[in-house]
């Protein structure tokens, strides 16, 4: 669980860090350093929200029945997929206008007076990224056959640390990262992870008896699975941890995986191609025609 959680934390953490850097830069440029402490208070509250959500999700359902736990797990898994997918597409469309949007919110908050509105802007902007990350990580950990607390924690800590370092370097102008390419590649990676979580969520509903077909398998490759002592067994562990590879999925899980992965991937590729800069020669055609 180290690598998938590192990548998730790196992507979502970098989004949050960039948001914070935009807020700080605007306040410094506006000569309102006096409200920076309130901004950091808002960031601290926003950072605590995902920890609180993680604790509730981890220990809260333990008092529920098995069926209720499975229904809750399946519902939260699909909710995590919906939020993450929405954020991937939102970033591909609105990332360029995010800076202007945040600066507008800060300007209105400062105009209202006390400056605590700045803290609320930070809580809303950064907390959204944190809650989304907490829910998605919880879903990936719950659906994995490998539940190593140490590996999961290490992946999250290293990913967030890298995100903070990259954010600071970008803010100081010491690093010029192609953010469009970074979010495109990580977006595609998250779609593959989310497809596996969709299949896992459907499995939860089947185990709870909400959906049929629990024992109707699409295929059974368990006989081909190497022994746990085999030197290649780690390939299965990595695939299962990152993409919920299942050697014995139900028909409904395969259908759900395809219904999510295929259209979302096609839409994502079309969105990326539509947002890519056109070649200079092609872009020059309308100008020539206009003359």
C-alpha atoms as a PDB file:
ATOM      1  CA  UNK A   1       0.000   0.000   0.000  1.00  0.00           C
ATOM      2  CA  UNK A   2       3.042   2.285   0.034  1.00  0.00           C
ATOM      3  CA  UNK A   3       3.174   3.304  -3.639  1.00  0.00           C
ATOM      4  CA  UNK A   4      -0.541   3.900  -4.351  1.00  0.00           C
ATOM      5  CA  UNK A   5      -0.984   5.990  -1.208  1.00  0.00           C
ATOM      6  CA  UNK A   6       2.213   7.906  -1.948  1.00  0.00           C
ATOM      7  CA  UNK A   7       0.912   8.842  -5.405  1.00  0.00           C
ATOM      8  CA  UNK A   8      -2.557   9.738  -4.123  1.00  0.00           C
ATOM      9  CA  UNK A   9      -1.102  11.887  -1.321  1.00  0.00           C
ATOM     10  CA  UNK A  10       1.384  13.501  -3.738  1.00  0.00           C
ATOM     11  CA  UNK A  11      -1.293  14.524  -6.238  1.00  0.00           C
ATOM     12  CA  UNK A  12      -3.916  15.684  -3.735  1.00  0.00           C
ATOM     13  CA  UNK A  13      -1.274  17.236  -1.474  1.00  0.00           C
ATOM     14  CA  UNK A  14       0.210  19.205  -4.359  1.00  0.00           C
ATOM     15  CA  UNK A  15      -3.257  20.496  -5.257  1.00  0.00           C
ATOM     16  CA  UNK A  16      -3.736  21.680  -1.669  1.00  0.00           C
ATOM     17  CA  UNK A  17      -0.230  23.173  -1.512  1.00  0.00           C
ATOM     18  CA  UNK A  18      -0.804  25.123  -4.716  1.00  0.00           C
ATOM     19  CA  UNK A  19      -4.067  26.461  -3.290  1.00  0.00           C
ATOM     20  CA  UNK A  20      -2.246  27.627  -0.149  1.00  0.00           C
ATOM     21  CA  UNK A  21       0.527  29.223  -2.216  1.00  0.00           C
ATOM     22  CA  UNK A  22      -2.072  31.182  -4.228  1.00  0.00           C
ATOM     23  CA  UNK A  23      -3.688  32.445  -1.015  1.00  0.00           C
ATOM     24  CA  UNK A  24      -0.348  33.416   0.556  1.00  0.00           C
ATOM     25  CA  UNK A  25       0.901  35.125  -2.604  1.00  0.00           C
ATOM     26  CA  UNK A  26      -2.276  37.194  -2.875  1.00  0.00           C
ATOM     27  CA  UNK A  27      -2.093  38.373   0.746  1.00  0.00           C
ATOM     28  CA  UNK A  28       1.602  39.257   0.415  1.00  0.00           C
ATOM     29  CA  UNK A  29       0.981  41.085  -2.858  1.00  0.00           C
ATOM     30  CA  UNK A  30      -1.950  42.959  -1.275  1.00  0.00           C
ATOM     31  CA  UNK A  31       0.268  43.915   1.679  1.00  0.00           C
ATOM     32  CA  UNK A  32      -2.050  42.124   4.091  1.00  0.00           C
ATOM     33  CA  UNK A  33       0.561  40.057   5.901  1.00  0.00           C
ATOM     34  CA  UNK A  34      -1.332  40.876   9.108  1.00  0.00           C
ATOM     35  CA  UNK A  35      -3.992  38.253   8.237  1.00  0.00           C
ATOM     36  CA  UNK A  36      -1.456  35.516   7.392  1.00  0.00           C
ATOM     37  CA  UNK A  37      -1.750  34.010  10.934  1.00  0.00           C
ATOM     38  CA  UNK A  38      -5.507  33.620  10.408  1.00  0.00           C
ATOM     39  CA  UNK A  39      -4.843  31.992   7.049  1.00  0.00           C
ATOM     40  CA  UNK A  40      -2.523  29.445   8.713  1.00  0.00           C
ATOM     41  CA  UNK A  41      -5.165  28.784  11.377  1.00  0.00           C
ATOM     42  CA  UNK A  42      -7.603  27.972   8.578  1.00  0.00           C
ATOM     43  CA  UNK A  43      -5.043  25.683   6.927  1.00  0.00           C
ATOM     44  CA  UNK A  44      -4.448  23.887  10.260  1.00  0.00           C
ATOM     45  CA  UNK A  45      -8.180  23.333  10.756  1.00  0.00           C
ATOM     46  CA  UNK A  46      -8.467  22.081   7.176  1.00  0.00           C
ATOM     47  CA  UNK A  47      -5.577  19.645   7.788  1.00  0.00           C
ATOM     48  CA  UNK A  48      -7.306  18.288  10.907  1.00  0.00           C
ATOM     49  CA  UNK A  49     -10.587  17.556   9.098  1.00  0.00           C
ATOM     50  CA  UNK A  50      -9.317  14.523   7.100  1.00  0.00           C
ATOM     51  CA  UNK A  51      -7.757  13.060  10.271  1.00  0.00           C
ATOM     52  CA  UNK A  52     -11.131  13.356  12.014  1.00  0.00           C
ATOM     53  CA  UNK A  53     -12.917  11.795   9.041  1.00  0.00           C
ATOM     54  CA  UNK A  54     -10.365   8.957   8.920  1.00  0.00           C
ATOM     55  CA  UNK A  55     -10.887   8.211  12.619  1.00  0.00           C
ATOM     56  CA  UNK A  56     -14.685   8.167  12.216  1.00  0.00           C
ATOM     57  CA  UNK A  57     -14.494   5.866   9.189  1.00  0.00           C
ATOM     58  CA  UNK A  58     -12.012   3.519  10.883  1.00  0.00           C
ATOM     59  CA  UNK A  59     -13.597   3.103  14.293  1.00  0.00           C
ATOM     60  CA  UNK A  60     -17.176   4.270  13.775  1.00  0.00           C
ATOM     61  CA  UNK A  61     -18.568   1.281  11.821  1.00  0.00           C
ATOM     62  CA  UNK A  62     -17.153  -1.327  14.255  1.00  0.00           C
ATOM     63  CA  UNK A  63     -20.372  -1.264  16.299  1.00  0.00           C
ATOM     64  CA  UNK A  64     -22.543  -1.943  13.222  1.00  0.00           C
ATOM     65  CA  UNK A  65     -23.727  -5.324  11.996  1.00  0.00           C
ATOM     66  CA  UNK A  66     -21.799  -7.054   9.187  1.00  0.00           C
ATOM     67  CA  UNK A  67     -24.498  -6.195   6.649  1.00  0.00           C
ATOM     68  CA  UNK A  68     -24.578  -2.550   7.712  1.00  0.00           C
ATOM     69  CA  UNK A  69     -20.775  -2.362   7.511  1.00  0.00           C
ATOM     70  CA  UNK A  70     -20.800  -3.760   3.982  1.00  0.00           C
ATOM     71  CA  UNK A  71     -23.549  -1.370   2.856  1.00  0.00           C
ATOM     72  CA  UNK A  72     -21.724   1.576   4.419  1.00  0.00           C
ATOM     73  CA  UNK A  73     -18.420   0.452   2.899  1.00  0.00           C
ATOM     74  CA  UNK A  74     -19.925   0.082  -0.576  1.00  0.00           C
ATOM     75  CA  UNK A  75     -21.695   3.439  -0.355  1.00  0.00           C
ATOM     76  CA  UNK A  76     -18.558   5.291   0.782  1.00  0.00           C
ATOM     77  CA  UNK A  77     -16.456   3.564  -1.886  1.00  0.00           C
ATOM     78  CA  UNK A  78     -18.805   4.769  -4.633  1.00  0.00           C
ATOM     79  CA  UNK A  79     -18.955   8.233  -3.023  1.00  0.00           C
ATOM     80  CA  UNK A  80     -15.135   8.397  -3.008  1.00  0.00           C
ATOM     81  CA  UNK A  81     -15.068   7.448  -6.683  1.00  0.00           C
ATOM     82  CA  UNK A  82     -17.700  10.076  -7.547  1.00  0.00           C
ATOM     83  CA  UNK A  83     -15.841  12.856  -5.687  1.00  0.00           C
ATOM     84  CA  UNK A  84     -12.455  11.917  -7.129  1.00  0.00           C
ATOM     85  CA  UNK A  85     -13.770  11.604 -10.678  1.00  0.00           C
ATOM     86  CA  UNK A  86     -15.531  14.947 -10.387  1.00  0.00           C
ATOM     87  CA  UNK A  87     -12.349  16.576  -9.104  1.00  0.00           C
ATOM     88  CA  UNK A  88     -10.259  15.098 -11.951  1.00  0.00           C
ATOM     89  CA  UNK A  89     -12.588  16.559 -14.572  1.00  0.00           C
ATOM     90  CA  UNK A  90     -12.998  19.812 -12.640  1.00  0.00           C
ATOM     91  CA  UNK A  91      -9.222  20.261 -12.570  1.00  0.00           C
ATOM     92  CA  UNK A  92      -8.945  19.624 -16.317  1.00  0.00           C
ATOM     93  CA  UNK A  93     -11.500  22.363 -17.050  1.00  0.00           C
ATOM     94  CA  UNK A  94     -11.119  24.988 -14.310  1.00  0.00           C
ATOM     95  CA  UNK A  95      -7.470  24.720 -13.166  1.00  0.00           C
ATOM     96  CA  UNK A  96      -6.439  27.783 -15.181  1.00  0.00           C
ATOM     97  CA  UNK A  97      -9.207  29.901 -13.625  1.00  0.00           C
ATOM     98  CA  UNK A  98      -8.722  28.606 -10.090  1.00  0.00           C
ATOM     99  CA  UNK A  99      -6.228  31.342  -9.213  1.00  0.00           C
ATOM    100  CA  UNK A 100      -8.640  34.124 -10.192  1.00  0.00           C
ATOM    101  CA  UNK A 101     -11.479  32.420  -8.313  1.00  0.00           C
ATOM    102  CA  UNK A 102      -9.505  32.109  -5.071  1.00  0.00           C
ATOM    103  CA  UNK A 103      -8.244  35.673  -5.308  1.00  0.00           C
ATOM    104  CA  UNK A 104     -11.820  36.888  -5.787  1.00  0.00           C
ATOM    105  CA  UNK A 105     -12.958  34.995  -2.680  1.00  0.00           C
ATOM    106  CA  UNK A 106     -10.050  36.440  -0.668  1.00  0.00           C
ATOM    107  CA  UNK A 107     -10.792  39.961  -1.892  1.00  0.00           C
ATOM    108  CA  UNK A 108     -14.421  39.679  -0.771  1.00  0.00           C
ATOM    109  CA  UNK A 109     -13.355  38.186   2.587  1.00  0.00           C
ATOM    110  CA  UNK A 110     -10.915  41.044   3.230  1.00  0.00           C
ATOM    111  CA  UNK A 111     -13.526  43.624   2.253  1.00  0.00           C
ATOM    112  CA  UNK A 112     -15.842  42.280   4.968  1.00  0.00           C
ATOM    113  CA  UNK A 113     -13.361  43.344   7.642  1.00  0.00           C
ATOM    114  CA  UNK A 114     -11.919  41.231  10.443  1.00  0.00           C
ATOM    115  CA  UNK A 115      -9.943  38.822   8.285  1.00  0.00           C
ATOM    116  CA  UNK A 116     -11.434  35.647   9.731  1.00  0.00           C
ATOM    117  CA  UNK A 117     -13.128  35.218   6.356  1.00  0.00           C
ATOM    118  CA  UNK A 118      -9.638  34.412   5.070  1.00  0.00           C
ATOM    119  CA  UNK A 119      -9.513  31.466   7.467  1.00  0.00           C
ATOM    120  CA  UNK A 120     -12.885  30.260   6.166  1.00  0.00           C
ATOM    121  CA  UNK A 121     -11.644  30.486   2.571  1.00  0.00           C
ATOM    122  CA  UNK A 122      -8.606  28.371   3.535  1.00  0.00           C
ATOM    123  CA  UNK A 123     -10.780  25.811   5.365  1.00  0.00           C
ATOM    124  CA  UNK A 124     -13.110  25.467   2.373  1.00  0.00           C
ATOM    125  CA  UNK A 125     -10.401  25.353  -0.307  1.00  0.00           C
ATOM    126  CA  UNK A 126      -7.863  23.141   1.472  1.00  0.00           C
ATOM    127  CA  UNK A 127     -10.325  21.085   3.530  1.00  0.00           C
ATOM    128  CA  UNK A 128     -12.094  19.928   0.367  1.00  0.00           C
ATOM    129  CA  UNK A 129      -8.846  18.420  -0.917  1.00  0.00           C
ATOM    130  CA  UNK A 130      -8.131  16.787   2.449  1.00  0.00           C
ATOM    131  CA  UNK A 131     -11.580  15.228   2.870  1.00  0.00           C
ATOM    132  CA  UNK A 132     -11.506  13.883  -0.664  1.00  0.00           C
ATOM    133  CA  UNK A 133      -8.048  12.383  -0.060  1.00  0.00           C
ATOM    134  CA  UNK A 134      -9.081  10.815   3.263  1.00  0.00           C
ATOM    135  CA  UNK A 135     -12.149   9.173   1.733  1.00  0.00           C
ATOM    136  CA  UNK A 136     -10.254   7.884  -1.306  1.00  0.00           C
ATOM    137  CA  UNK A 137      -7.361   6.514   0.779  1.00  0.00           C
ATOM    138  CA  UNK A 138      -9.819   4.858   3.165  1.00  0.00           C
ATOM    139  CA  UNK A 139     -11.521   3.168   0.202  1.00  0.00           C
ATOM    140  CA  UNK A 140      -8.236   1.928  -1.290  1.00  0.00           C
ATOM    141  CA  UNK A 141      -6.978   0.593   2.052  1.00  0.00           C
ATOM    142  CA  UNK A 142     -10.273  -1.137   2.820  1.00  0.00           C
ATOM    143  CA  UNK A 143     -10.356  -2.812  -0.592  1.00  0.00           C
ATOM    144  CA  UNK A 144      -6.764  -4.059  -0.441  1.00  0.00           C
ATOM    145  CA  UNK A 145      -5.697  -7.549   0.570  1.00  0.00           C
ATOM    146  CA  UNK A 146      -2.595  -5.967   2.104  1.00  0.00           C
ATOM    147  CA  UNK A 147      -3.545  -3.896   5.133  1.00  0.00           C
ATOM    148  CA  UNK A 148      -0.172  -2.772   6.437  1.00  0.00           C
ATOM    149  CA  UNK A 149      -0.643   0.271   8.655  1.00  0.00           C
ATOM    150  CA  UNK A 150       3.077   1.070   8.460  1.00  0.00           C
ATOM    151  CA  UNK A 151       3.202   0.963   4.638  1.00  0.00           C
ATOM    152  CA  UNK A 152      -0.011   2.987   4.307  1.00  0.00           C
ATOM    153  CA  UNK A 153       1.152   5.632   6.777  1.00  0.00           C
ATOM    154  CA  UNK A 154       4.618   5.819   5.228  1.00  0.00           C
ATOM    155  CA  UNK A 155       3.128   6.268   1.745  1.00  0.00           C
ATOM    156  CA  UNK A 156       0.869   9.092   2.922  1.00  0.00           C
ATOM    157  CA  UNK A 157       3.608  10.868   4.887  1.00  0.00           C
ATOM    158  CA  UNK A 158       6.183  10.651   2.085  1.00  0.00           C
ATOM    159  CA  UNK A 159       3.610  11.732  -0.531  1.00  0.00           C
ATOM    160  CA  UNK A 160       2.490  14.741   1.505  1.00  0.00           C
ATOM    161  CA  UNK A 161       6.092  15.689   2.334  1.00  0.00           C
ATOM    162  CA  UNK A 162       7.027  15.612  -1.358  1.00  0.00           C
ATOM    163  CA  UNK A 163       3.924  17.679  -2.194  1.00  0.00           C
ATOM    164  CA  UNK A 164       4.843  20.345   0.381  1.00  0.00           C
ATOM    165  CA  UNK A 165       8.457  20.520  -0.832  1.00  0.00           C
ATOM    166  CA  UNK A 166       7.357  20.781  -4.473  1.00  0.00           C
ATOM    167  CA  UNK A 167       4.782  23.441  -3.553  1.00  0.00           C
ATOM    168  CA  UNK A 168       7.389  25.538  -1.710  1.00  0.00           C
ATOM    169  CA  UNK A 169       9.861  25.256  -4.590  1.00  0.00           C
ATOM    170  CA  UNK A 170       7.177  26.273  -7.110  1.00  0.00           C
ATOM    171  CA  UNK A 171       6.106  29.202  -4.904  1.00  0.00           C
ATOM    172  CA  UNK A 172       9.688  30.453  -4.636  1.00  0.00           C
ATOM    173  CA  UNK A 173      10.216  30.060  -8.379  1.00  0.00           C
ATOM    174  CA  UNK A 174      12.953  27.480  -7.866  1.00  0.00           C
ATOM    175  CA  UNK A 175      11.064  24.761  -9.752  1.00  0.00           C
ATOM    176  CA  UNK A 176       9.117  24.955 -12.996  1.00  0.00           C
ATOM    177  CA  UNK A 177       6.944  21.854 -13.062  1.00  0.00           C
ATOM    178  CA  UNK A 178       4.651  21.093 -15.992  1.00  0.00           C
ATOM    179  CA  UNK A 179       1.537  20.939 -13.817  1.00  0.00           C
ATOM    180  CA  UNK A 180      -0.762  20.207 -16.756  1.00  0.00           C
ATOM    181  CA  UNK A 181       1.193  17.069 -17.619  1.00  0.00           C
ATOM    182  CA  UNK A 182       1.498  16.096 -13.952  1.00  0.00           C
ATOM    183  CA  UNK A 183      -2.261  16.297 -13.321  1.00  0.00           C
ATOM    184  CA  UNK A 184      -3.007  14.541 -16.631  1.00  0.00           C
ATOM    185  CA  UNK A 185      -0.856  11.503 -15.840  1.00  0.00           C
ATOM    186  CA  UNK A 186      -1.939  11.269 -12.212  1.00  0.00           C
ATOM    187  CA  UNK A 187      -5.569  11.776 -13.290  1.00  0.00           C
ATOM    188  CA  UNK A 188      -5.338   8.751 -15.590  1.00  0.00           C
ATOM    189  CA  UNK A 189      -3.725   6.780 -12.785  1.00  0.00           C
ATOM    190  CA  UNK A 190      -6.521   7.715 -10.345  1.00  0.00           C
ATOM    191  CA  UNK A 191      -9.187   6.668 -12.869  1.00  0.00           C
ATOM    192  CA  UNK A 192      -7.682   3.153 -12.967  1.00  0.00           C
ATOM    193  CA  UNK A 193      -7.599   3.035  -9.164  1.00  0.00           C
ATOM    194  CA  UNK A 194     -11.180   4.316  -8.986  1.00  0.00           C
ATOM    195  CA  UNK A 195     -12.368   1.612 -11.416  1.00  0.00           C
ATOM    196  CA  UNK A 196     -11.048  -1.024  -9.015  1.00  0.00           C
ATOM    197  CA  UNK A 197     -12.827   0.680  -6.102  1.00  0.00           C
ATOM    198  CA  UNK A 198     -16.102   0.648  -8.068  1.00  0.00           C
ATOM    199  CA  UNK A 199     -15.793  -3.120  -8.479  1.00  0.00           C
ATOM    200  CA  UNK A 200     -14.941  -3.480  -4.788  1.00  0.00           C
ATOM    201  CA  UNK A 201     -17.954  -1.359  -3.778  1.00  0.00           C
ATOM    202  CA  UNK A 202     -20.243  -3.554  -5.868  1.00  0.00           C
ATOM    203  CA  UNK A 203     -18.736  -6.580  -4.119  1.00  0.00           C
ATOM    204  CA  UNK A 204     -19.617  -5.024  -0.751  1.00  0.00           C
ATOM    205  CA  UNK A 205     -23.252  -4.615  -1.820  1.00  0.00           C
ATOM    206  CA  UNK A 206     -23.306  -8.233  -3.020  1.00  0.00           C
ATOM    207  CA  UNK A 207     -21.910  -9.474   0.292  1.00  0.00           C
ATOM    208  CA  UNK A 208     -24.593  -7.458   2.094  1.00  0.00           C
ATOM    209  CA  UNK A 209     -27.294  -9.113  -0.015  1.00  0.00           C
ATOM    210  CA  UNK A 210     -28.340  -5.813  -1.598  1.00  0.00           C
ATOM    211  CA  UNK A 211     -27.202  -6.923  -5.078  1.00  0.00           C
ATOM    212  CA  UNK A 212     -27.426 -10.469  -6.508  1.00  0.00           C
ATOM    213  CA  UNK A 213     -24.736 -12.672  -8.074  1.00  0.00           C
ATOM    214  CA  UNK A 214     -22.253 -13.013  -5.196  1.00  0.00           C
ATOM    215  CA  UNK A 215     -21.269 -16.515  -6.341  1.00  0.00           C
ATOM    216  CA  UNK A 216     -21.629 -15.909 -10.092  1.00  0.00           C
ATOM    217  CA  UNK A 217     -18.019 -15.419 -11.102  1.00  0.00           C
ATOM    218  CA  UNK A 218     -16.868 -14.039 -14.441  1.00  0.00           C
ATOM    219  CA  UNK A 219     -13.725 -16.187 -14.243  1.00  0.00           C
ATOM    220  CA  UNK A 220     -11.583 -17.957 -11.693  1.00  0.00           C
ATOM    221  CA  UNK A 221      -7.818 -17.619 -12.044  1.00  0.00           C
ATOM    222  CA  UNK A 222      -7.046 -18.527  -8.440  1.00  0.00           C
ATOM    223  CA  UNK A 223      -5.384 -21.778  -9.577  1.00  0.00           C
ATOM    224  CA  UNK A 224      -2.809 -19.691 -11.491  1.00  0.00           C
ATOM    225  CA  UNK A 225      -1.989 -17.519  -8.474  1.00  0.00           C
ATOM    226  CA  UNK A 226       1.614 -18.165  -7.334  1.00  0.00           C
ATOM    227  CA  UNK A 227       2.243 -19.271  -3.763  1.00  0.00           C
ATOM    228  CA  UNK A 228       2.870 -16.581  -1.184  1.00  0.00           C
ATOM    229  CA  UNK A 229       6.461 -17.818  -0.983  1.00  0.00           C
ATOM    230  CA  UNK A 230       6.996 -17.326  -4.740  1.00  0.00           C
ATOM    231  CA  UNK A 231       9.380 -14.499  -5.748  1.00  0.00           C
ATOM    232  CA  UNK A 232       6.721 -13.163  -8.176  1.00  0.00           C
ATOM    233  CA  UNK A 233       3.854 -13.136  -5.666  1.00  0.00           C
ATOM    234  CA  UNK A 234       4.627  -9.488  -4.985  1.00  0.00           C
ATOM    235  CA  UNK A 235       3.350  -8.645  -8.488  1.00  0.00           C
ATOM    236  CA  UNK A 236      -0.111  -9.811  -7.464  1.00  0.00           C
ATOM    237  CA  UNK A 237       0.123  -7.924  -4.161  1.00  0.00           C
ATOM    238  CA  UNK A 238       1.101  -4.692  -5.939  1.00  0.00           C
ATOM    239  CA  UNK A 239      -1.641  -5.122  -8.558  1.00  0.00           C
ATOM    240  CA  UNK A 240      -4.212  -5.864  -5.891  1.00  0.00           C
ATOM    241  CA  UNK A 241      -3.082  -2.961  -3.718  1.00  0.00           C
ATOM    242  CA  UNK A 242      -3.066  -0.425  -6.550  1.00  0.00           C
ATOM    243  CA  UNK A 243      -5.886  -1.559  -8.837  1.00  0.00           C
ATOM    244  CA  UNK A 244      -7.811  -4.142  -6.775  1.00  0.00           C
ATOM    245  CA  UNK A 245      -6.831  -6.942  -9.177  1.00  0.00           C
ATOM    246  CA  UNK A 246      -9.242  -9.797  -8.450  1.00  0.00           C
ATOM    247  CA  UNK A 247      -8.573 -13.344  -9.678  1.00  0.00           C
ATOM    248  CA  UNK A 248     -12.175 -14.350  -8.956  1.00  0.00           C
ATOM    249  CA  UNK A 249     -14.481 -11.370  -9.681  1.00  0.00           C
ATOM    250  CA  UNK A 250     -18.228 -11.644 -10.011  1.00  0.00           C
ATOM    251  CA  UNK A 251     -19.938 -10.882 -13.316  1.00  0.00           C
ATOM    252  CA  UNK A 252     -21.516  -7.783 -11.807  1.00  0.00           C
ATOM    253  CA  UNK A 253     -18.129  -6.488 -10.642  1.00  0.00           C
ATOM    254  CA  UNK A 254     -16.659  -6.879 -14.141  1.00  0.00           C
ATOM    255  CA  UNK A 255     -19.672  -5.128 -15.688  1.00  0.00           C
ATOM    256  CA  UNK A 256     -19.393  -2.278 -13.161  1.00  0.00           C
ATOM    257  CA  UNK A 257     -15.639  -1.956 -13.808  1.00  0.00           C
ATOM    258  CA  UNK A 258     -16.227  -1.690 -17.571  1.00  0.00           C
ATOM    259  CA  UNK A 259     -19.183   0.713 -17.211  1.00  0.00           C
ATOM    260  CA  UNK A 260     -16.974   3.056 -15.201  1.00  0.00           C
ATOM    261  CA  UNK A 261     -13.504   2.644 -16.732  1.00  0.00           C
ATOM    262  CA  UNK A 262     -14.365   2.733 -20.441  1.00  0.00           C
ATOM    263  CA  UNK A 263     -16.586   5.849 -20.692  1.00  0.00           C
ATOM    264  CA  UNK A 264     -14.650   7.801 -18.043  1.00  0.00           C
ATOM    265  CA  UNK A 265     -11.319   7.033 -19.750  1.00  0.00           C
ATOM    266  CA  UNK A 266     -12.701   8.038 -23.162  1.00  0.00           C
ATOM    267  CA  UNK A 267     -14.115  11.297 -21.778  1.00  0.00           C
ATOM    268  CA  UNK A 268     -10.854  12.010 -19.949  1.00  0.00           C
ATOM    269  CA  UNK A 269      -8.725  11.478 -23.076  1.00  0.00           C
ATOM    270  CA  UNK A 270     -11.081  13.653 -25.139  1.00  0.00           C
ATOM    271  CA  UNK A 271     -10.943  16.375 -22.485  1.00  0.00           C
ATOM    272  CA  UNK A 272      -7.130  16.232 -22.405  1.00  0.00           C
ATOM    273  CA  UNK A 273      -6.884  16.399 -26.201  1.00  0.00           C
ATOM    274  CA  UNK A 274      -9.373  19.276 -26.341  1.00  0.00           C
ATOM    275  CA  UNK A 275      -7.308  21.219 -23.806  1.00  0.00           C
ATOM    276  CA  UNK A 276      -3.952  20.538 -25.484  1.00  0.00           C
ATOM    277  CA  UNK A 277      -2.404  23.503 -27.351  1.00  0.00           C
ATOM    278  CA  UNK A 278      -2.889  23.298 -31.102  1.00  0.00           C
ATOM    279  CA  UNK A 279       0.143  23.138 -33.416  1.00  0.00           C
ATOM    280  CA  UNK A 280       1.273  26.569 -34.585  1.00  0.00           C
ATOM    281  CA  UNK A 281       0.535  25.738 -38.216  1.00  0.00           C
ATOM    282  CA  UNK A 282      -3.039  24.689 -37.448  1.00  0.00           C
ATOM    283  CA  UNK A 283      -3.595  27.689 -35.186  1.00  0.00           C
ATOM    284  CA  UNK A 284      -2.439  30.041 -37.961  1.00  0.00           C
ATOM    285  CA  UNK A 285      -5.138  28.921 -40.414  1.00  0.00           C
ATOM    286  CA  UNK A 286      -8.056  30.973 -38.978  1.00  0.00           C
ATOM    287  CA  UNK A 287      -5.890  34.097 -38.824  1.00  0.00           C
ATOM    288  CA  UNK A 288      -4.918  33.707 -42.469  1.00  0.00           C
ATOM    289  CA  UNK A 289      -8.524  33.051 -43.481  1.00  0.00           C
ATOM    290  CA  UNK A 290      -9.676  36.159 -41.614  1.00  0.00           C
ATOM    291  CA  UNK A 291      -7.322  38.304 -43.652  1.00  0.00           C
END
